[in-house]
Amino acid sequence: MSFQNYWLFVPACFAINMAFGPNNVLSLSNGARDGMRYSILAAFGRLLAFAVMIAISGFGLGALLIASETLFTVLKFAGAAYLVWLGIKLFRSAPIELARSADNADNAKASLELPADKLRRLAKQEFLVAAGNPKAILVFTAFFPQFVDRSAYTTSFVVLGATFLLFELIAIAIYAAIGTRLGTLTNAGGRFRWFNRASGSLMIGFGLLLAFLRRPAS
């Protein structure tokens, strides 16, 4: 892969990472509810899913998935159903009081403690949302090959994949920080209820859009 092609890849890749999609809504919501650190750690479930998808695409199996109408349809509707279910759950969730009182050292310390079961649950949500979205497979099977050096296929695909994951982590941190700030502003119960409803509605909308996603022509 030439240096020139790589620097064409970089801004386009970062734009994809920063796109306002279902996983970034999760980072936003988790940041608002549990803080930036929690949101970033949970999002490693997403990074794992993307790493697996990049490997699958690198071995050429992603193209096989896109070519199979049955597999694509099953993945599409399973992902759409999960997003809608998650959106409804978020929409109906009760408002919570965020423990970020500056004058309460015990609460501040407790907020940094990450219960393993809850962190695993949120990381699993991130993983399933990413893995259930065939649009991600489209990115790795249609976008990546435009920048792959055929004479150094493995090396260039690894570099592209590592760059994508790095930019995804940056996007996660940005959305988590925004969510944390929004959580501070909506700390009152009634206002946070509306934040939950807005996030849930967006997630439901993404699920419905995904259900209408068409399989690319083979």
N, C-alpha and C. Protein backbone atom coordinates (compact mmCIF):
# COMPACT_ATOMS: atom_id res chain seq x y z
N MET A 1 0.85 -1.20 0.00
CA MET A 1 0.00 0.00 0.00
C MET A 1 0.88 1.25 0.00
N SER A 2 0.66 2.13 -0.95
CA SER A 2 1.48 3.33 -1.05
C SER A 2 1.10 4.33 0.03
N PHE A 3 2.07 5.19 0.39
CA PHE A 3 1.84 6.23 1.39
C PHE A 3 0.71 7.16 0.95
N GLN A 4 0.68 7.48 -0.34
CA GLN A 4 -0.36 8.38 -0.86
C GLN A 4 -1.75 7.78 -0.67
N ASN A 5 -1.91 6.50 -0.99
CA ASN A 5 -3.21 5.85 -0.82
C ASN A 5 -3.61 5.77 0.64
N TYR A 6 -2.64 5.57 1.51
CA TYR A 6 -2.96 5.49 2.94
C TYR A 6 -3.51 6.80 3.45
N TRP A 7 -2.95 7.91 3.04
CA TRP A 7 -3.43 9.19 3.53
C TRP A 7 -4.72 9.63 2.84
N LEU A 8 -5.11 8.93 1.79
CA LEU A 8 -6.47 9.08 1.28
C LEU A 8 -7.44 8.26 2.13
N PHE A 9 -6.93 7.13 2.62
CA PHE A 9 -7.75 6.26 3.45
C PHE A 9 -8.06 6.88 4.81
N VAL A 10 -7.08 7.56 5.41
CA VAL A 10 -7.20 8.06 6.78
C VAL A 10 -8.42 8.96 6.98
N PRO A 11 -8.62 10.06 6.22
CA PRO A 11 -9.78 10.92 6.50
C PRO A 11 -11.11 10.24 6.20
N ALA A 12 -11.14 9.40 5.15
CA ALA A 12 -12.38 8.70 4.84
C ALA A 12 -12.73 7.71 5.94
N CYS A 13 -11.71 7.03 6.46
CA CYS A 13 -11.92 6.06 7.54
C CYS A 13 -12.44 6.76 8.80
N PHE A 14 -11.82 7.88 9.16
CA PHE A 14 -12.23 8.57 10.37
C PHE A 14 -13.67 9.09 10.26
N ALA A 15 -14.05 9.50 9.05
CA ALA A 15 -15.44 9.94 8.84
C ALA A 15 -16.41 8.79 9.09
N ILE A 16 -16.04 7.58 8.67
CA ILE A 16 -16.87 6.40 8.92
C ILE A 16 -16.95 6.12 10.42
N ASN A 17 -15.83 6.20 11.11
CA ASN A 17 -15.81 5.95 12.55
C ASN A 17 -16.67 6.95 13.33
N MET A 18 -16.67 8.20 12.88
CA MET A 18 -17.40 9.24 13.60
C MET A 18 -18.88 9.31 13.22
N ALA A 19 -19.30 8.54 12.21
CA ALA A 19 -20.70 8.56 11.79
C ALA A 19 -21.61 8.21 12.97
N PHE A 20 -22.74 8.89 13.05
CA PHE A 20 -23.66 8.72 14.18
C PHE A 20 -24.50 7.48 13.94
N GLY A 21 -23.98 6.34 14.41
CA GLY A 21 -24.67 5.06 14.25
C GLY A 21 -25.05 4.47 15.59
N PRO A 22 -25.61 3.24 15.58
CA PRO A 22 -26.11 2.63 16.82
C PRO A 22 -25.05 2.42 17.89
N ASN A 23 -23.83 2.01 17.50
CA ASN A 23 -22.79 1.82 18.51
C ASN A 23 -22.39 3.14 19.16
N ASN A 24 -22.31 4.21 18.38
CA ASN A 24 -21.97 5.50 18.96
C ASN A 24 -23.09 6.04 19.84
N VAL A 25 -24.33 5.67 19.54
CA VAL A 25 -25.43 6.02 20.44
C VAL A 25 -25.24 5.31 21.78
N LEU A 26 -24.76 4.06 21.74
CA LEU A 26 -24.49 3.34 22.98
C LEU A 26 -23.41 4.04 23.80
N SER A 27 -22.32 4.45 23.12
CA SER A 27 -21.26 5.16 23.84
C SER A 27 -21.79 6.45 24.46
N LEU A 28 -22.63 7.14 23.73
CA LEU A 28 -23.23 8.38 24.22
C LEU A 28 -24.09 8.10 25.46
N SER A 29 -24.94 7.09 25.35
CA SER A 29 -25.85 6.76 26.44
C SER A 29 -25.10 6.22 27.66
N ASN A 30 -24.12 5.33 27.42
CA ASN A 30 -23.35 4.79 28.54
C ASN A 30 -22.53 5.87 29.23
N GLY A 31 -21.99 6.81 28.43
CA GLY A 31 -21.25 7.92 29.02
C GLY A 31 -22.14 8.80 29.88
N ALA A 32 -23.36 9.05 29.42
CA ALA A 32 -24.29 9.89 30.18
C ALA A 32 -24.70 9.22 31.48
N ARG A 33 -24.88 7.91 31.43
CA ARG A 33 -25.38 7.20 32.60
C ARG A 33 -24.28 6.82 33.58
N ASP A 34 -23.14 6.35 33.06
CA ASP A 34 -22.12 5.75 33.92
C ASP A 34 -20.77 6.44 33.87
N GLY A 35 -20.60 7.41 33.01
CA GLY A 35 -19.33 8.12 32.94
C GLY A 35 -18.45 7.66 31.80
N MET A 36 -17.44 8.46 31.50
CA MET A 36 -16.60 8.24 30.32
C MET A 36 -15.82 6.93 30.42
N ARG A 37 -15.23 6.67 31.58
CA ARG A 37 -14.40 5.48 31.73
C ARG A 37 -15.20 4.21 31.48
N TYR A 38 -16.38 4.14 32.07
CA TYR A 38 -17.25 2.99 31.92
C TYR A 38 -17.63 2.80 30.44
N SER A 39 -17.99 3.89 29.79
CA SER A 39 -18.41 3.84 28.39
C SER A 39 -17.29 3.32 27.49
N ILE A 40 -16.06 3.78 27.73
CA ILE A 40 -14.93 3.36 26.90
C ILE A 40 -14.62 1.88 27.12
N LEU A 41 -14.61 1.45 28.38
CA LEU A 41 -14.31 0.05 28.67
C LEU A 41 -15.37 -0.88 28.06
N ALA A 42 -16.64 -0.50 28.14
CA ALA A 42 -17.71 -1.31 27.57
C ALA A 42 -17.56 -1.43 26.06
N ALA A 43 -17.07 -0.36 25.42
CA ALA A 43 -16.96 -0.33 23.96
C ALA A 43 -15.87 -1.25 23.43
N PHE A 44 -15.05 -1.84 24.30
CA PHE A 44 -14.09 -2.82 23.82
C PHE A 44 -14.79 -4.06 23.27
N GLY A 45 -16.04 -4.26 23.67
CA GLY A 45 -16.84 -5.32 23.04
C GLY A 45 -17.05 -5.03 21.57
N ARG A 46 -17.28 -3.78 21.22
CA ARG A 46 -17.42 -3.37 19.83
C ARG A 46 -16.12 -3.57 19.06
N LEU A 47 -15.00 -3.18 19.68
CA LEU A 47 -13.71 -3.33 19.01
C LEU A 47 -13.40 -4.80 18.73
N LEU A 48 -13.78 -5.68 19.66
CA LEU A 48 -13.58 -7.10 19.44
C LEU A 48 -14.39 -7.58 18.24
N ALA A 49 -15.65 -7.15 18.17
CA ALA A 49 -16.50 -7.55 17.04
C ALA A 49 -15.92 -7.05 15.72
N PHE A 50 -15.47 -5.80 15.69
CA PHE A 50 -14.90 -5.26 14.46
C PHE A 50 -13.60 -5.97 14.09
N ALA A 51 -12.79 -6.32 15.08
CA ALA A 51 -11.55 -7.04 14.80
C ALA A 51 -11.84 -8.39 14.16
N VAL A 52 -12.86 -9.08 14.67
CA VAL A 52 -13.25 -10.37 14.09
C VAL A 52 -13.75 -10.17 12.66
N MET A 53 -14.56 -9.14 12.44
CA MET A 53 -15.11 -8.87 11.10
C MET A 53 -14.01 -8.50 10.12
N ILE A 54 -13.01 -7.75 10.58
CA ILE A 54 -11.88 -7.40 9.71
C ILE A 54 -11.12 -8.66 9.32
N ALA A 55 -10.91 -9.56 10.29
CA ALA A 55 -10.22 -10.81 9.98
C ALA A 55 -11.02 -11.65 8.99
N ILE A 56 -12.33 -11.72 9.20
CA ILE A 56 -13.20 -12.47 8.28
C ILE A 56 -13.11 -11.90 6.87
N SER A 57 -13.18 -10.58 6.77
CA SER A 57 -13.10 -9.94 5.46
C SER A 57 -11.73 -10.15 4.83
N GLY A 58 -10.68 -10.10 5.64
CA GLY A 58 -9.33 -10.30 5.13
C GLY A 58 -9.14 -11.68 4.53
N PHE A 59 -9.84 -12.69 5.07
CA PHE A 59 -9.75 -14.04 4.54
C PHE A 59 -10.72 -14.27 3.37
N GLY A 60 -11.50 -13.23 3.03
CA GLY A 60 -12.41 -13.33 1.90
C GLY A 60 -13.77 -13.88 2.24
N LEU A 61 -14.00 -14.20 3.52
CA LEU A 61 -15.29 -14.75 3.90
C LEU A 61 -16.39 -13.70 3.93
N GLY A 62 -15.98 -12.41 4.12
CA GLY A 62 -16.98 -11.34 4.13
C GLY A 62 -17.68 -11.23 2.79
N ALA A 63 -16.92 -11.38 1.71
CA ALA A 63 -17.52 -11.32 0.38
C ALA A 63 -18.50 -12.47 0.18
N LEU A 64 -18.16 -13.64 0.75
CA LEU A 64 -19.07 -14.79 0.67
C LEU A 64 -20.37 -14.50 1.40
N LEU A 65 -20.28 -13.85 2.55
CA LEU A 65 -21.47 -13.49 3.32
C LEU A 65 -22.35 -12.54 2.52
N ILE A 66 -21.74 -11.52 1.90
CA ILE A 66 -22.50 -10.56 1.11
C ILE A 66 -23.15 -11.24 -0.09
N ALA A 67 -22.46 -12.23 -0.66
CA ALA A 67 -22.98 -12.91 -1.86
C ALA A 67 -24.15 -13.83 -1.52
N SER A 68 -24.24 -14.27 -0.27
CA SER A 68 -25.31 -15.18 0.13
C SER A 68 -26.52 -14.38 0.60
N GLU A 69 -27.59 -14.42 -0.16
CA GLU A 69 -28.79 -13.67 0.19
C GLU A 69 -29.39 -14.16 1.50
N THR A 70 -29.35 -15.48 1.73
CA THR A 70 -29.93 -16.04 2.95
C THR A 70 -29.17 -15.58 4.18
N LEU A 71 -27.84 -15.72 4.15
CA LEU A 71 -27.04 -15.30 5.30
C LEU A 71 -27.17 -13.82 5.56
N PHE A 72 -27.15 -13.02 4.50
CA PHE A 72 -27.26 -11.58 4.65
C PHE A 72 -28.61 -11.20 5.26
N THR A 73 -29.68 -11.83 4.80
CA THR A 73 -31.03 -11.52 5.30
C THR A 73 -31.18 -11.91 6.76
N VAL A 74 -30.66 -13.10 7.12
CA VAL A 74 -30.75 -13.55 8.51
C VAL A 74 -30.00 -12.58 9.42
N LEU A 75 -28.79 -12.22 9.02
CA LEU A 75 -27.99 -11.30 9.83
C LEU A 75 -28.66 -9.94 9.92
N LYS A 76 -29.21 -9.48 8.81
CA LYS A 76 -29.84 -8.17 8.78
C LYS A 76 -31.03 -8.09 9.74
N PHE A 77 -31.94 -9.07 9.67
CA PHE A 77 -33.14 -9.01 10.50
C PHE A 77 -32.84 -9.32 11.96
N ALA A 78 -31.85 -10.17 12.21
CA ALA A 78 -31.46 -10.42 13.60
C ALA A 78 -30.88 -9.15 14.21
N GLY A 79 -30.02 -8.47 13.46
CA GLY A 79 -29.45 -7.22 13.95
C GLY A 79 -30.50 -6.14 14.14
N ALA A 80 -31.43 -6.05 13.19
CA ALA A 80 -32.50 -5.04 13.29
C ALA A 80 -33.38 -5.30 14.51
N ALA A 81 -33.73 -6.58 14.73
CA ALA A 81 -34.58 -6.92 15.87
C ALA A 81 -33.89 -6.59 17.19
N TYR A 82 -32.59 -6.88 17.25
CA TYR A 82 -31.85 -6.58 18.48
C TYR A 82 -31.79 -5.08 18.75
N LEU A 83 -31.57 -4.28 17.71
CA LEU A 83 -31.53 -2.83 17.89
C LEU A 83 -32.87 -2.29 18.36
N VAL A 84 -33.96 -2.79 17.78
CA VAL A 84 -35.29 -2.34 18.19
C VAL A 84 -35.56 -2.74 19.64
N TRP A 85 -35.20 -3.98 19.99
CA TRP A 85 -35.39 -4.43 21.38
C TRP A 85 -34.59 -3.58 22.34
N LEU A 86 -33.34 -3.30 21.98
CA LEU A 86 -32.48 -2.49 22.84
C LEU A 86 -33.03 -1.07 22.96
N GLY A 87 -33.54 -0.53 21.84
CA GLY A 87 -34.12 0.81 21.86
C GLY A 87 -35.35 0.89 22.76
N ILE A 88 -36.21 -0.11 22.68
CA ILE A 88 -37.41 -0.13 23.53
C ILE A 88 -37.01 -0.21 25.00
N LYS A 89 -36.02 -1.05 25.27
CA LYS A 89 -35.55 -1.19 26.66
C LYS A 89 -34.99 0.12 27.18
N LEU A 90 -34.20 0.81 26.34
CA LEU A 90 -33.63 2.09 26.74
C LEU A 90 -34.73 3.16 26.87
N PHE A 91 -35.69 3.16 25.97
CA PHE A 91 -36.79 4.12 25.99
C PHE A 91 -37.60 4.01 27.28
N ARG A 92 -37.79 2.77 27.74
CA ARG A 92 -38.63 2.53 28.91
C ARG A 92 -37.85 2.57 30.22
N SER A 93 -36.52 2.70 30.15
CA SER A 93 -35.73 2.66 31.37
C SER A 93 -36.02 3.86 32.25
N ALA A 94 -36.03 3.64 33.54
CA ALA A 94 -36.32 4.70 34.49
C ALA A 94 -35.13 5.64 34.60
N PRO A 95 -35.38 6.93 34.87
CA PRO A 95 -34.27 7.87 35.06
C PRO A 95 -33.49 7.50 36.32
N ILE A 96 -32.19 7.78 36.29
CA ILE A 96 -31.35 7.50 37.44
C ILE A 96 -30.65 8.76 37.89
N GLU A 97 -30.23 8.76 39.10
CA GLU A 97 -29.48 9.89 39.64
C GLU A 97 -28.00 9.58 39.51
N LEU A 98 -27.27 10.38 38.78
CA LEU A 98 -25.86 10.13 38.55
C LEU A 98 -25.05 10.57 39.75
N ALA A 99 -24.20 9.68 40.24
CA ALA A 99 -23.41 9.99 41.44
C ALA A 99 -22.13 10.68 41.04
N ARG A 100 -22.19 12.01 40.91
CA ARG A 100 -21.00 12.77 40.53
C ARG A 100 -20.82 13.98 41.44
N SER A 101 -21.27 13.86 42.69
CA SER A 101 -21.17 14.98 43.61
C SER A 101 -19.72 15.26 43.97
N ALA A 102 -19.27 16.48 43.73
CA ALA A 102 -17.87 16.84 43.97
C ALA A 102 -17.54 16.85 45.45
N ASP A 103 -18.54 17.04 46.30
CA ASP A 103 -18.27 17.15 47.72
C ASP A 103 -18.45 15.82 48.45
N ASN A 104 -18.61 14.75 47.69
CA ASN A 104 -18.80 13.44 48.31
C ASN A 104 -17.72 12.50 47.78
N ALA A 105 -16.62 12.38 48.53
CA ALA A 105 -15.48 11.60 48.07
C ALA A 105 -15.84 10.12 47.95
N ASP A 106 -16.69 9.65 48.84
CA ASP A 106 -17.06 8.23 48.79
C ASP A 106 -17.82 7.91 47.52
N ASN A 107 -18.75 8.79 47.14
CA ASN A 107 -19.51 8.57 45.91
C ASN A 107 -18.60 8.63 44.70
N ALA A 108 -17.65 9.56 44.72
CA ALA A 108 -16.73 9.70 43.59
C ALA A 108 -15.89 8.45 43.45
N LYS A 109 -15.44 7.91 44.59
CA LYS A 109 -14.66 6.69 44.55
C LYS A 109 -15.50 5.52 44.07
N ALA A 110 -16.74 5.46 44.52
CA ALA A 110 -17.62 4.36 44.13
C ALA A 110 -17.93 4.40 42.65
N SER A 111 -18.02 5.63 42.09
CA SER A 111 -18.36 5.75 40.68
C SER A 111 -17.26 5.21 39.79
N LEU A 112 -16.02 5.10 40.34
CA LEU A 112 -14.90 4.58 39.55
C LEU A 112 -14.83 3.06 39.62
N GLU A 113 -15.57 2.47 40.54
CA GLU A 113 -15.58 1.03 40.66
C GLU A 113 -16.53 0.45 39.62
N LEU A 114 -16.05 -0.54 38.87
CA LEU A 114 -16.82 -1.08 37.77
C LEU A 114 -17.27 -2.50 38.09
N PRO A 115 -18.53 -2.68 38.49
CA PRO A 115 -19.01 -4.04 38.74
C PRO A 115 -18.82 -4.89 37.49
N ALA A 116 -18.16 -6.02 37.66
CA ALA A 116 -17.78 -6.83 36.50
C ALA A 116 -18.99 -7.32 35.72
N ASP A 117 -20.08 -7.68 36.42
CA ASP A 117 -21.25 -8.20 35.72
C ASP A 117 -21.90 -7.14 34.84
N LYS A 118 -21.99 -5.90 35.34
CA LYS A 118 -22.58 -4.84 34.55
C LYS A 118 -21.69 -4.48 33.37
N LEU A 119 -20.39 -4.45 33.58
CA LEU A 119 -19.47 -4.13 32.50
C LEU A 119 -19.53 -5.19 31.42
N ARG A 120 -19.62 -6.45 31.81
CA ARG A 120 -19.75 -7.53 30.83
C ARG A 120 -21.04 -7.40 30.04
N ARG A 121 -22.12 -7.01 30.72
CA ARG A 121 -23.40 -6.87 30.03
C ARG A 121 -23.36 -5.76 28.98
N LEU A 122 -22.77 -4.62 29.35
CA LEU A 122 -22.68 -3.51 28.41
C LEU A 122 -21.72 -3.82 27.26
N ALA A 123 -20.61 -4.51 27.58
CA ALA A 123 -19.67 -4.91 26.52
C ALA A 123 -20.34 -5.89 25.56
N LYS A 124 -21.17 -6.77 26.10
CA LYS A 124 -21.90 -7.72 25.25
C LYS A 124 -22.88 -6.98 24.34
N GLN A 125 -23.54 -5.94 24.87
CA GLN A 125 -24.42 -5.13 24.04
C GLN A 125 -23.65 -4.50 22.89
N GLU A 126 -22.50 -3.92 23.20
CA GLU A 126 -21.67 -3.31 22.17
C GLU A 126 -21.27 -4.34 21.11
N PHE A 127 -20.88 -5.52 21.56
CA PHE A 127 -20.45 -6.57 20.64
C PHE A 127 -21.59 -6.98 19.72
N LEU A 128 -22.77 -7.22 20.29
CA LEU A 128 -23.90 -7.70 19.50
C LEU A 128 -24.40 -6.65 18.52
N VAL A 129 -24.41 -5.38 18.95
CA VAL A 129 -24.84 -4.32 18.04
C VAL A 129 -23.89 -4.23 16.85
N ALA A 130 -22.59 -4.31 17.11
CA ALA A 130 -21.60 -4.25 16.02
C ALA A 130 -21.68 -5.49 15.13
N ALA A 131 -21.73 -6.66 15.75
CA ALA A 131 -21.72 -7.91 14.98
C ALA A 131 -23.01 -8.11 14.20
N GLY A 132 -24.11 -7.53 14.68
CA GLY A 132 -25.40 -7.72 14.01
C GLY A 132 -25.69 -6.70 12.94
N ASN A 133 -24.71 -5.89 12.59
CA ASN A 133 -24.91 -4.84 11.59
C ASN A 133 -24.14 -5.19 10.32
N PRO A 134 -24.81 -5.67 9.27
CA PRO A 134 -24.09 -6.04 8.05
C PRO A 134 -23.46 -4.85 7.34
N LYS A 135 -23.86 -3.63 7.71
CA LYS A 135 -23.22 -2.46 7.12
C LYS A 135 -21.73 -2.42 7.47
N ALA A 136 -21.37 -2.97 8.64
CA ALA A 136 -19.96 -3.02 9.00
C ALA A 136 -19.20 -3.96 8.07
N ILE A 137 -19.81 -5.11 7.75
CA ILE A 137 -19.20 -6.03 6.79
C ILE A 137 -19.02 -5.34 5.45
N LEU A 138 -20.00 -4.50 5.06
CA LEU A 138 -19.89 -3.77 3.79
C LEU A 138 -18.68 -2.85 3.80
N VAL A 139 -18.42 -2.22 4.94
CA VAL A 139 -17.26 -1.32 5.04
C VAL A 139 -15.98 -2.09 4.78
N PHE A 140 -15.86 -3.26 5.40
CA PHE A 140 -14.62 -4.01 5.31
C PHE A 140 -14.46 -4.76 3.98
N THR A 141 -15.58 -5.06 3.31
CA THR A 141 -15.49 -5.80 2.05
C THR A 141 -15.55 -4.90 0.83
N ALA A 142 -16.12 -3.70 0.97
CA ALA A 142 -16.25 -2.80 -0.18
C ALA A 142 -15.32 -1.59 -0.10
N PHE A 143 -15.10 -1.11 1.13
CA PHE A 143 -14.27 0.09 1.31
C PHE A 143 -12.79 -0.25 1.42
N PHE A 144 -12.46 -1.21 2.24
CA PHE A 144 -11.05 -1.58 2.45
C PHE A 144 -10.33 -1.98 1.15
N PRO A 145 -10.95 -2.84 0.31
CA PRO A 145 -10.22 -3.32 -0.87
C PRO A 145 -9.74 -2.21 -1.81
N GLN A 146 -10.38 -1.04 -1.75
CA GLN A 146 -9.95 0.05 -2.61
C GLN A 146 -8.55 0.55 -2.24
N PHE A 147 -8.10 0.24 -1.04
CA PHE A 147 -6.81 0.75 -0.56
C PHE A 147 -5.80 -0.37 -0.30
N VAL A 148 -6.18 -1.60 -0.57
CA VAL A 148 -5.30 -2.72 -0.32
C VAL A 148 -4.26 -2.83 -1.43
N ASP A 149 -3.01 -3.02 -1.04
CA ASP A 149 -1.92 -3.26 -1.98
C ASP A 149 -1.89 -4.75 -2.29
N ARG A 150 -2.20 -5.12 -3.52
CA ARG A 150 -2.28 -6.53 -3.88
C ARG A 150 -0.93 -7.24 -3.75
N SER A 151 0.15 -6.47 -3.87
CA SER A 151 1.47 -7.08 -3.77
C SER A 151 1.87 -7.33 -2.32
N ALA A 152 1.18 -6.73 -1.39
CA ALA A 152 1.43 -6.93 0.04
C ALA A 152 0.07 -6.98 0.74
N TYR A 153 -0.75 -7.93 0.32
CA TYR A 153 -2.15 -7.97 0.74
C TYR A 153 -2.29 -8.07 2.26
N THR A 154 -1.63 -9.04 2.87
CA THR A 154 -1.79 -9.26 4.30
C THR A 154 -1.33 -8.06 5.11
N THR A 155 -0.15 -7.55 4.78
CA THR A 155 0.40 -6.40 5.52
C THR A 155 -0.50 -5.19 5.40
N SER A 156 -0.94 -4.88 4.18
CA SER A 156 -1.76 -3.69 3.99
C SER A 156 -3.12 -3.83 4.66
N PHE A 157 -3.70 -5.05 4.64
CA PHE A 157 -5.00 -5.25 5.29
C PHE A 157 -4.87 -5.11 6.80
N VAL A 158 -3.76 -5.58 7.36
CA VAL A 158 -3.52 -5.44 8.80
C VAL A 158 -3.36 -3.97 9.16
N VAL A 159 -2.63 -3.21 8.34
CA VAL A 159 -2.44 -1.78 8.61
C VAL A 159 -3.78 -1.04 8.54
N LEU A 160 -4.57 -1.35 7.52
CA LEU A 160 -5.88 -0.71 7.39
C LEU A 160 -6.78 -1.07 8.58
N GLY A 161 -6.77 -2.34 8.97
CA GLY A 161 -7.59 -2.77 10.09
C GLY A 161 -7.18 -2.13 11.40
N ALA A 162 -5.86 -2.06 11.64
CA ALA A 162 -5.37 -1.44 12.87
C ALA A 162 -5.71 0.04 12.90
N THR A 163 -5.62 0.70 11.75
CA THR A 163 -5.97 2.13 11.67
C THR A 163 -7.44 2.33 11.97
N PHE A 164 -8.28 1.48 11.39
CA PHE A 164 -9.73 1.57 11.63
C PHE A 164 -10.04 1.42 13.11
N LEU A 165 -9.43 0.43 13.77
CA LEU A 165 -9.70 0.19 15.19
C LEU A 165 -9.20 1.33 16.06
N LEU A 166 -8.06 1.92 15.69
CA LEU A 166 -7.53 3.06 16.44
C LEU A 166 -8.48 4.25 16.34
N PHE A 167 -8.94 4.53 15.13
CA PHE A 167 -9.87 5.65 14.94
C PHE A 167 -11.22 5.37 15.60
N GLU A 168 -11.61 4.09 15.63
CA GLU A 168 -12.85 3.74 16.31
C GLU A 168 -12.74 4.01 17.80
N LEU A 169 -11.57 3.72 18.38
CA LEU A 169 -11.35 4.00 19.79
C LEU A 169 -11.40 5.50 20.06
N ILE A 170 -10.83 6.30 19.16
CA ILE A 170 -10.89 7.76 19.30
C ILE A 170 -12.34 8.23 19.24
N ALA A 171 -13.11 7.69 18.28
CA ALA A 171 -14.52 8.06 18.17
C ALA A 171 -15.29 7.66 19.42
N ILE A 172 -14.98 6.50 19.97
CA ILE A 172 -15.62 6.05 21.21
C ILE A 172 -15.37 7.05 22.33
N ALA A 173 -14.11 7.47 22.47
CA ALA A 173 -13.75 8.42 23.53
C ALA A 173 -14.48 9.75 23.35
N ILE A 174 -14.61 10.20 22.10
CA ILE A 174 -15.29 11.47 21.83
C ILE A 174 -16.77 11.37 22.20
N TYR A 175 -17.43 10.32 21.75
CA TYR A 175 -18.85 10.16 22.07
C TYR A 175 -19.07 9.92 23.56
N ALA A 176 -18.16 9.19 24.19
CA ALA A 176 -18.28 8.96 25.64
C ALA A 176 -18.14 10.27 26.40
N ALA A 177 -17.21 11.13 25.95
CA ALA A 177 -17.01 12.42 26.61
C ALA A 177 -18.25 13.31 26.44
N ILE A 178 -18.81 13.31 25.22
CA ILE A 178 -20.02 14.10 24.98
C ILE A 178 -21.16 13.58 25.84
N GLY A 179 -21.28 12.24 25.90
CA GLY A 179 -22.33 11.64 26.72
C GLY A 179 -22.17 11.99 28.19
N THR A 180 -20.93 11.96 28.68
CA THR A 180 -20.67 12.31 30.08
C THR A 180 -21.10 13.74 30.37
N ARG A 181 -20.79 14.63 29.45
CA ARG A 181 -21.18 16.03 29.62
C ARG A 181 -22.70 16.18 29.58
N LEU A 182 -23.35 15.48 28.66
CA LEU A 182 -24.81 15.54 28.59
C LEU A 182 -25.43 14.96 29.86
N GLY A 183 -24.80 13.90 30.40
CA GLY A 183 -25.31 13.32 31.63
C GLY A 183 -25.25 14.30 32.79
N THR A 184 -24.21 15.12 32.83
CA THR A 184 -24.10 16.15 33.87
C THR A 184 -25.20 17.19 33.71
N LEU A 185 -25.47 17.56 32.46
CA LEU A 185 -26.49 18.57 32.19
C LEU A 185 -27.90 18.06 32.42
N THR A 186 -28.09 16.74 32.28
CA THR A 186 -29.43 16.16 32.44
C THR A 186 -29.53 15.33 33.71
N ASN A 187 -28.79 15.75 34.73
CA ASN A 187 -28.74 14.97 35.97
C ASN A 187 -30.10 14.90 36.66
N ALA A 188 -30.93 15.89 36.47
CA ALA A 188 -32.27 15.85 37.07
C ALA A 188 -33.05 14.69 36.45
N GLY A 189 -33.80 13.97 37.30
CA GLY A 189 -34.49 12.77 36.86
C GLY A 189 -35.36 12.96 35.63
N GLY A 190 -36.19 14.00 35.62
CA GLY A 190 -37.09 14.22 34.51
C GLY A 190 -36.37 14.46 33.21
N ARG A 191 -35.28 15.23 33.27
CA ARG A 191 -34.53 15.50 32.05
C ARG A 191 -33.80 14.26 31.55
N PHE A 192 -33.29 13.44 32.48
CA PHE A 192 -32.61 12.23 32.04
C PHE A 192 -33.59 11.23 31.45
N ARG A 193 -34.83 11.25 31.89
CA ARG A 193 -35.85 10.39 31.29
C ARG A 193 -36.00 10.72 29.81
N TRP A 194 -35.99 12.01 29.49
CA TRP A 194 -36.10 12.42 28.09
C TRP A 194 -34.86 12.03 27.30
N PHE A 195 -33.70 12.04 27.94
CA PHE A 195 -32.48 11.60 27.26
C PHE A 195 -32.59 10.10 26.93
N ASN A 196 -33.09 9.32 27.89
CA ASN A 196 -33.28 7.89 27.63
C ASN A 196 -34.24 7.67 26.46
N ARG A 197 -35.31 8.45 26.44
CA ARG A 197 -36.30 8.29 25.37
C ARG A 197 -35.74 8.69 24.01
N ALA A 198 -34.95 9.75 24.00
CA ALA A 198 -34.34 10.18 22.74
C ALA A 198 -33.35 9.13 22.23
N SER A 199 -32.51 8.60 23.14
CA SER A 199 -31.54 7.58 22.74
C SER A 199 -32.25 6.31 22.29
N GLY A 200 -33.28 5.92 23.02
CA GLY A 200 -34.04 4.72 22.65
C GLY A 200 -34.72 4.88 21.30
N SER A 201 -35.26 6.05 21.04
CA SER A 201 -35.92 6.30 19.75
C SER A 201 -34.92 6.22 18.60
N LEU A 202 -33.72 6.77 18.81
CA LEU A 202 -32.68 6.68 17.79
C LEU A 202 -32.30 5.23 17.52
N MET A 203 -32.18 4.43 18.58
CA MET A 203 -31.82 3.03 18.41
C MET A 203 -32.89 2.27 17.65
N ILE A 204 -34.16 2.55 17.97
CA ILE A 204 -35.26 1.92 17.25
C ILE A 204 -35.22 2.33 15.78
N GLY A 205 -34.96 3.61 15.53
CA GLY A 205 -34.87 4.10 14.16
C GLY A 205 -33.77 3.41 13.38
N PHE A 206 -32.60 3.23 14.02
CA PHE A 206 -31.51 2.53 13.35
C PHE A 206 -31.91 1.09 13.03
N GLY A 207 -32.63 0.45 13.95
CA GLY A 207 -33.08 -0.91 13.71
C GLY A 207 -34.02 -1.00 12.52
N LEU A 208 -34.95 -0.06 12.42
CA LEU A 208 -35.89 -0.06 11.29
C LEU A 208 -35.17 0.21 9.98
N LEU A 209 -34.21 1.13 10.00
CA LEU A 209 -33.43 1.41 8.78
C LEU A 209 -32.63 0.18 8.36
N LEU A 210 -32.07 -0.52 9.34
CA LEU A 210 -31.29 -1.71 9.03
C LEU A 210 -32.17 -2.79 8.41
N ALA A 211 -33.42 -2.89 8.84
CA ALA A 211 -34.32 -3.89 8.30
C ALA A 211 -34.58 -3.69 6.80
N PHE A 212 -34.45 -2.44 6.34
CA PHE A 212 -34.67 -2.13 4.93
C PHE A 212 -33.38 -2.07 4.12
N LEU A 213 -32.26 -2.41 4.75
CA LEU A 213 -30.98 -2.39 4.04
C LEU A 213 -30.99 -3.45 2.95
N ARG A 214 -30.61 -3.05 1.76
CA ARG A 214 -30.58 -3.98 0.63
C ARG A 214 -29.22 -4.65 0.50
N ARG A 215 -29.26 -5.91 0.08
CA ARG A 215 -28.02 -6.64 -0.19
C ARG A 215 -27.39 -6.10 -1.46
N PRO A 216 -26.08 -5.82 -1.44
CA PRO A 216 -25.42 -5.34 -2.64
C PRO A 216 -25.50 -6.35 -3.76
N ALA A 217 -25.58 -5.85 -4.95
CA ALA A 217 -25.63 -6.75 -6.11
C ALA A 217 -24.32 -7.50 -6.22
N SER A 218 -24.38 -8.79 -6.39
CA SER A 218 -23.19 -9.62 -6.48
C SER A 218 -22.63 -9.65 -7.89
